[in-house]
């Protein structure tokens, strides 16, 4: 199997053990098409544990590519730190249904995280994915010194020299096209980019809405633990079973159409903006009295780290991954 060969090569070259490796990206959330690349997420442990006592310490991440397979790995301690922050990508690694290596079975860890994740941290992760991808791939912007300004209007030669009307906070500004201090972003409004933004924005809005509904059901008692409904990793399952409780049919059908086109191999087809700027930017503010939770306990995560290290050592001991 190509993925297993890529992992074996990485294990030998980087002197690590891999107790858990799974599919990430579209193969994990049911959006893969016939031409989708294979993205592999994994957790690794240094073969020589003495590296944890060295001044530099082990590397925290590994990114490698072989035969069009992209591998992205997290050192076990870094993985635990991201789980403690309810990081979306680390949670997705635990929830992926496709496993390439499972010396460490993540079932108990997944169940624990799904009970204890902090909704605010997860909300902001999904919000950031939606907003940053919209700004980069769909929204026309001018960029200067790292700051971006949405283009609201382009005034053509019939009105004189070409100028851009941009949004700067709550105000509009007019900037000449000849002003070389600004560069125009190159957008890529494809099916794939629209789907990434749509999925992240829907997940953020769904998580927020279900937490607020739970709060309303408890008569605004802020001492209870809100029952946020974690969106299914499979986007198809989410659209079918969870989304109707929060979104109107038109929004769901628009998302489903993008998903079906991505699966059919049309991910790179340009389709314009199918999300909308307002929807792609869920509210920045989220009420901590409603949505905050302590998050996973460090001691429990440490126990799972011990399990991953033990699994990695056992895998080395039986002659595999060496």
Protein backbone atom coordinates (compact mmCIF):
# COMPACT_ATOMS: atom_id res chain seq x y z
CA UNK A 1 0.00 0.00 0.00
CA UNK A 2 1.42 3.39 -1.02
CA UNK A 3 0.53 5.15 2.25
CA UNK A 4 2.11 2.42 4.37
CA UNK A 5 5.28 2.52 2.25
CA UNK A 6 5.44 6.31 2.64
CA UNK A 7 5.09 5.96 6.42
CA UNK A 8 7.76 3.23 6.59
CA UNK A 9 10.17 5.43 4.64
CA UNK A 10 9.49 8.37 6.95
CA UNK A 11 9.94 6.27 10.09
CA UNK A 12 13.38 5.12 8.94
CA UNK A 13 14.60 8.51 7.73
CA UNK A 14 13.38 10.58 10.68
CA UNK A 15 14.04 8.00 13.43
CA UNK A 16 10.56 8.09 14.89
CA UNK A 17 7.78 5.65 15.69
CA UNK A 18 4.20 6.26 14.53
CA UNK A 19 1.53 4.83 16.86
CA UNK A 20 -1.34 6.51 14.98
CA UNK A 21 -1.78 7.57 11.35
CA UNK A 22 -5.08 8.45 9.70
CA UNK A 23 -6.56 10.05 6.62
CA UNK A 24 -7.03 13.79 6.88
CA UNK A 25 -8.65 16.29 4.56
CA UNK A 26 -11.41 15.37 2.12
CA UNK A 27 -10.93 11.61 2.47
CA UNK A 28 -11.66 11.95 6.19
CA UNK A 29 -14.75 14.16 5.90
CA UNK A 30 -16.34 12.40 2.92
CA UNK A 31 -15.51 14.98 0.27
CA UNK A 32 -12.90 13.18 -1.82
CA UNK A 33 -13.20 13.08 -5.60
CA UNK A 34 -11.49 10.76 -8.10
CA UNK A 35 -8.47 13.07 -8.32
CA UNK A 36 -8.17 13.96 -4.62
CA UNK A 37 -4.70 13.70 -3.15
CA UNK A 38 -4.05 11.52 -0.13
CA UNK A 39 -3.35 13.57 2.99
CA UNK A 40 -2.10 11.63 6.00
CA UNK A 41 -2.04 12.95 9.55
CA UNK A 42 -0.01 11.14 12.17
CA UNK A 43 1.37 11.28 15.69
CA UNK A 44 5.03 10.41 16.18
CA UNK A 45 7.38 9.63 19.05
CA UNK A 46 11.19 9.94 18.78
CA UNK A 47 12.84 6.52 18.62
CA UNK A 48 15.35 7.71 21.22
CA UNK A 49 13.36 9.17 24.11
CA UNK A 50 16.52 10.82 25.44
CA UNK A 51 15.89 13.53 22.85
CA UNK A 52 13.33 14.98 25.25
CA UNK A 53 16.20 15.84 27.62
CA UNK A 54 18.33 17.47 24.95
CA UNK A 55 18.51 21.26 24.75
CA UNK A 56 16.82 21.46 21.37
CA UNK A 57 14.35 18.68 22.06
CA UNK A 58 12.58 16.69 19.35
CA UNK A 59 11.03 18.44 16.37
CA UNK A 60 7.35 19.28 16.92
CA UNK A 61 6.11 18.70 13.39
CA UNK A 62 7.07 16.70 10.33
CA UNK A 63 5.85 17.56 6.84
CA UNK A 64 6.86 15.27 4.00
CA UNK A 65 5.64 14.21 0.59
CA UNK A 66 6.11 10.99 -1.34
CA UNK A 67 4.34 9.78 -4.49
CA UNK A 68 1.73 12.58 -4.23
CA UNK A 69 0.98 11.59 -0.63
CA UNK A 70 1.31 14.48 1.80
CA UNK A 71 2.21 13.51 5.35
CA UNK A 72 1.77 15.90 8.26
CA UNK A 73 2.87 14.71 11.67
CA UNK A 74 2.67 16.03 15.20
CA UNK A 75 5.11 15.07 17.94
CA UNK A 76 3.10 13.45 20.72
CA UNK A 77 3.58 16.27 23.24
CA UNK A 78 2.64 18.91 20.68
CA UNK A 79 -0.39 16.83 19.75
CA UNK A 80 -1.51 16.83 23.40
CA UNK A 81 -1.00 20.61 23.63
CA UNK A 82 -3.29 21.14 20.63
CA UNK A 83 -5.90 18.80 22.10
CA UNK A 84 -5.78 20.81 25.32
CA UNK A 85 -6.64 23.87 23.21
CA UNK A 86 -9.51 22.01 21.47
CA UNK A 87 -7.70 22.54 18.17
CA UNK A 88 -9.81 21.56 15.15
CA UNK A 89 -7.10 19.73 13.21
CA UNK A 90 -5.96 17.71 16.24
CA UNK A 91 -9.55 16.73 17.07
CA UNK A 92 -10.11 15.72 13.44
CA UNK A 93 -7.08 13.42 13.62
CA UNK A 94 -8.72 11.55 16.50
CA UNK A 95 -12.09 11.42 14.70
CA UNK A 96 -10.91 10.27 11.27
CA UNK A 97 -12.65 7.03 10.19
CA UNK A 98 -9.71 5.88 8.01
CA UNK A 99 -6.71 4.59 9.93
CA UNK A 100 -3.40 3.58 8.41
CA UNK A 101 -1.70 2.80 11.73
CA UNK A 102 -3.45 2.20 15.00
CA UNK A 103 -1.00 0.68 17.45
CA UNK A 104 -2.65 3.28 19.67
CA UNK A 105 -6.44 2.96 19.49
CA UNK A 106 -7.86 6.51 19.72
CA UNK A 107 -11.44 5.42 20.56
CA UNK A 108 -11.26 6.30 24.28
CA UNK A 109 -9.38 9.54 23.58
CA UNK A 110 -11.95 10.53 20.98
CA UNK A 111 -14.86 9.84 23.36
CA UNK A 112 -13.17 11.86 26.10
CA UNK A 113 -12.48 14.83 23.81
CA UNK A 114 -16.02 14.85 22.45
CA UNK A 115 -17.27 15.23 26.04
CA UNK A 116 -14.76 17.84 27.17
CA UNK A 117 -13.70 20.08 24.26
CA UNK A 118 -14.00 23.84 24.79
CA UNK A 119 -16.67 25.13 22.34
CA UNK A 120 -15.21 28.65 22.26
CA UNK A 121 -11.76 27.45 21.15
CA UNK A 122 -13.28 25.17 18.52
CA UNK A 123 -15.65 27.91 17.33
CA UNK A 124 -12.77 30.32 16.76
CA UNK A 125 -10.78 27.66 14.87
CA UNK A 126 -13.63 27.06 12.43
CA UNK A 127 -14.36 30.79 12.18
CA UNK A 128 -10.72 31.48 11.34
CA UNK A 129 -10.67 28.78 8.65
CA UNK A 130 -13.79 30.22 7.01
CA UNK A 131 -12.75 33.88 7.22
CA UNK A 132 -9.12 33.45 6.16
CA UNK A 133 -9.97 31.21 3.21
CA UNK A 134 -12.72 33.58 2.09
CA UNK A 135 -10.35 36.53 2.29
CA UNK A 136 -7.61 34.64 0.41
CA UNK A 137 -9.57 32.80 -2.26
CA UNK A 138 -12.97 34.43 -2.83
CA UNK A 139 -12.97 38.05 -1.73
CA UNK A 140 -11.34 40.72 -3.87
CA UNK A 141 -8.85 42.64 -1.72
CA UNK A 142 -6.03 45.11 -1.85
CA UNK A 143 -3.05 44.25 0.34
CA UNK A 144 -0.50 46.60 1.89
CA UNK A 145 2.08 45.73 4.55
CA UNK A 146 0.14 42.63 5.55
CA UNK A 147 -3.16 44.50 5.92
CA UNK A 148 -6.07 43.59 3.64
CA UNK A 149 -8.81 45.91 2.39
CA UNK A 150 -11.95 44.41 0.77
CA UNK A 151 -12.67 45.92 -2.66
CA UNK A 152 -16.26 47.13 -2.73
CA UNK A 153 -16.19 48.85 -6.13
CA UNK A 154 -13.87 49.32 -9.11
CA UNK A 155 -14.33 52.58 -11.00
CA UNK A 156 -13.25 52.22 -14.58
CA UNK A 157 -11.68 54.52 -17.19
CA UNK A 158 -15.02 56.11 -18.07
CA UNK A 159 -14.83 57.90 -14.71
CA UNK A 160 -11.18 58.84 -15.18
CA UNK A 161 -8.18 56.77 -13.95
CA UNK A 162 -9.06 53.36 -12.52
CA UNK A 163 -9.62 53.49 -8.76
CA UNK A 164 -10.63 51.02 -6.06
CA UNK A 165 -13.18 51.78 -3.39
CA UNK A 166 -12.16 49.67 -0.39
CA UNK A 167 -13.45 49.04 3.09
CA UNK A 168 -11.15 50.19 5.90
CA UNK A 169 -12.89 49.32 9.16
CA UNK A 170 -16.15 51.24 9.23
CA UNK A 171 -15.08 53.64 6.49
CA UNK A 172 -14.62 53.60 2.72
CA UNK A 173 -11.41 54.70 1.04
CA UNK A 174 -10.59 55.38 -2.61
CA UNK A 175 -7.20 54.14 -3.85
CA UNK A 176 -5.71 54.68 -7.28
CA UNK A 177 -4.81 51.60 -9.31
CA UNK A 178 -1.46 53.30 -9.95
CA UNK A 179 -0.58 53.31 -6.25
CA UNK A 180 2.16 50.67 -6.18
CA UNK A 181 2.03 50.44 -2.38
CA UNK A 182 -1.02 48.19 -2.83
CA UNK A 183 -1.32 44.81 -4.55
CA UNK A 184 -4.53 43.11 -5.63
CA UNK A 185 -5.14 39.59 -4.33
CA UNK A 186 -5.38 36.74 -6.83
CA UNK A 187 -8.59 34.88 -6.07
CA UNK A 188 -9.35 31.22 -6.81
CA UNK A 189 -13.15 30.88 -6.47
CA UNK A 190 -13.25 27.14 -7.15
CA UNK A 191 -15.67 24.48 -5.98
CA UNK A 192 -13.02 23.19 -3.56
CA UNK A 193 -12.36 26.59 -1.98
CA UNK A 194 -16.05 27.40 -1.69
CA UNK A 195 -16.66 24.05 -0.03
CA UNK A 196 -13.85 24.54 2.51
CA UNK A 197 -15.25 27.92 3.50
CA UNK A 198 -18.86 26.77 3.53
CA UNK A 199 -18.11 23.73 5.71
CA UNK A 200 -16.07 25.71 8.27
CA UNK A 201 -18.63 28.54 8.48
CA UNK A 202 -21.53 26.10 8.89
CA UNK A 203 -19.71 24.16 11.60
CA UNK A 204 -18.88 27.34 13.53
CA UNK A 205 -22.43 28.67 13.29
CA UNK A 206 -23.94 25.29 14.16
CA UNK A 207 -21.78 24.87 17.27
CA UNK A 208 -22.71 28.35 18.45
CA UNK A 209 -26.43 27.94 17.73
CA UNK A 210 -26.79 24.59 19.51
CA UNK A 211 -25.03 25.96 22.60
CA UNK A 212 -27.37 28.96 22.69
CA UNK A 213 -30.42 26.73 22.23
CA UNK A 214 -29.28 24.59 25.15
CA UNK A 215 -28.87 27.73 27.26
CA UNK A 216 -32.40 28.87 26.40
CA UNK A 217 -33.77 25.46 27.35
CA UNK A 218 -32.21 25.85 30.81
CA UNK A 219 -33.85 29.23 31.47
CA UNK A 220 -30.51 31.07 31.30
CA UNK A 221 -28.96 29.21 34.21
CA UNK A 222 -25.27 29.99 33.66
CA UNK A 223 -24.10 27.34 36.12
CA UNK A 224 -24.97 24.41 33.85
CA UNK A 225 -22.72 22.87 31.20
CA UNK A 226 -24.14 23.85 27.77
CA UNK A 227 -24.99 20.95 25.48
CA UNK A 228 -23.19 22.01 22.31
CA UNK A 229 -23.75 19.54 19.50
CA UNK A 230 -20.43 18.66 17.86
CA UNK A 231 -20.83 18.61 14.05
CA UNK A 232 -20.24 15.24 12.42
CA UNK A 233 -16.86 14.91 10.73
CA UNK A 234 -18.61 13.60 7.61
CA UNK A 235 -20.01 16.68 5.88
CA UNK A 236 -22.69 14.61 4.16
CA UNK A 237 -23.88 13.27 7.52
CA UNK A 238 -23.87 16.79 8.94
CA UNK A 239 -25.96 18.18 6.07
CA UNK A 240 -28.45 15.34 6.32
CA UNK A 241 -28.84 14.93 10.08
CA UNK A 242 -27.73 18.10 11.87
CA UNK A 243 -27.81 21.13 9.58
CA UNK A 244 -31.64 21.26 9.18
CA UNK A 245 -31.95 22.24 12.85
CA UNK A 246 -30.07 25.51 12.20
CA UNK A 247 -29.92 26.36 8.47
CA UNK A 248 -32.58 27.01 5.85
CA UNK A 249 -33.02 24.49 2.99
CA UNK A 250 -31.44 26.82 0.42
CA UNK A 251 -28.19 27.08 2.37
CA UNK A 252 -28.08 23.29 2.84
CA UNK A 253 -28.75 22.59 -0.84
CA UNK A 254 -26.06 25.08 -1.87
CA UNK A 255 -23.57 23.25 0.35
CA UNK A 256 -24.72 19.84 -0.91
CA UNK A 257 -24.28 20.94 -4.53
CA UNK A 258 -20.68 21.95 -3.82
CA UNK A 259 -20.03 18.63 -2.09
CA UNK A 260 -21.44 16.62 -4.99
CA UNK A 261 -19.38 18.55 -7.54
CA UNK A 262 -16.22 18.06 -5.47
CA UNK A 263 -16.87 14.31 -5.28
CA UNK A 264 -17.51 14.20 -9.03
CA UNK A 265 -14.06 15.61 -9.76
CA UNK A 266 -15.03 19.24 -10.38
CA UNK A 267 -13.14 20.63 -7.38
CA UNK A 268 -10.99 22.94 -9.52
CA UNK A 269 -13.90 24.36 -11.52
CA UNK A 270 -14.33 28.11 -11.00
CA UNK A 271 -17.81 28.96 -9.74
CA UNK A 272 -17.50 32.43 -8.23
CA UNK A 273 -18.60 33.14 -4.68
CA UNK A 274 -21.16 30.54 -3.54
CA UNK A 275 -20.83 31.33 0.16
CA UNK A 276 -21.26 35.09 0.57
CA UNK A 277 -19.08 37.43 2.58
CA UNK A 278 -21.51 37.79 5.48
CA UNK A 279 -21.94 34.04 5.95
CA UNK A 280 -18.19 33.41 5.65
CA UNK A 281 -17.55 35.68 8.65
CA UNK A 282 -19.35 34.24 11.69
CA UNK A 283 -19.49 36.77 14.57
CA UNK A 284 -16.16 37.34 16.27
CA UNK A 285 -17.75 37.77 19.69
CA UNK A 286 -19.14 34.71 21.46
CA UNK A 287 -20.61 34.86 24.98
CA UNK A 288 -18.29 33.05 27.44
CA UNK A 289 -21.14 32.77 29.95
CA UNK A 290 -22.93 30.53 27.49
CA UNK A 291 -20.17 28.73 25.62
CA UNK A 292 -17.10 28.36 27.80
CA UNK A 293 -16.01 25.01 29.25
CA UNK A 294 -12.77 24.15 31.07
CA UNK A 295 -11.60 21.87 28.26
CA UNK A 296 -9.70 18.58 28.57
CA UNK A 297 -7.85 17.99 31.84
CA UNK A 298 -4.03 17.95 31.52
CA UNK A 299 -3.74 14.86 33.74
CA UNK A 300 -6.10 12.88 31.51
CA UNK A 301 -4.26 13.98 28.39
CA UNK A 302 -0.96 12.99 30.01
CA UNK A 303 -2.37 9.50 30.54
CA UNK A 304 -3.25 9.26 26.87
CA UNK A 305 0.26 10.49 25.97
CA UNK A 306 1.68 7.66 28.09
CA UNK A 307 -0.49 5.24 26.12
CA UNK A 308 0.78 6.56 22.79
CA UNK A 309 4.41 6.33 23.91
CA UNK A 310 3.88 2.77 25.18
CA UNK A 311 2.22 1.83 21.88
CA UNK A 312 5.12 3.35 19.93
CA UNK A 313 7.68 1.44 21.99
CA UNK A 314 5.76 -1.79 21.59
CA UNK A 315 5.62 -1.28 17.83
CA UNK A 316 9.39 -0.85 17.72
CA UNK A 317 9.81 -3.93 19.87
CA UNK A 318 8.00 -6.24 17.45
CA UNK A 319 10.23 -5.21 14.57
CA UNK A 320 7.86 -2.90 12.74
CA UNK A 321 8.49 0.76 12.02
CA UNK A 322 12.24 0.36 12.51
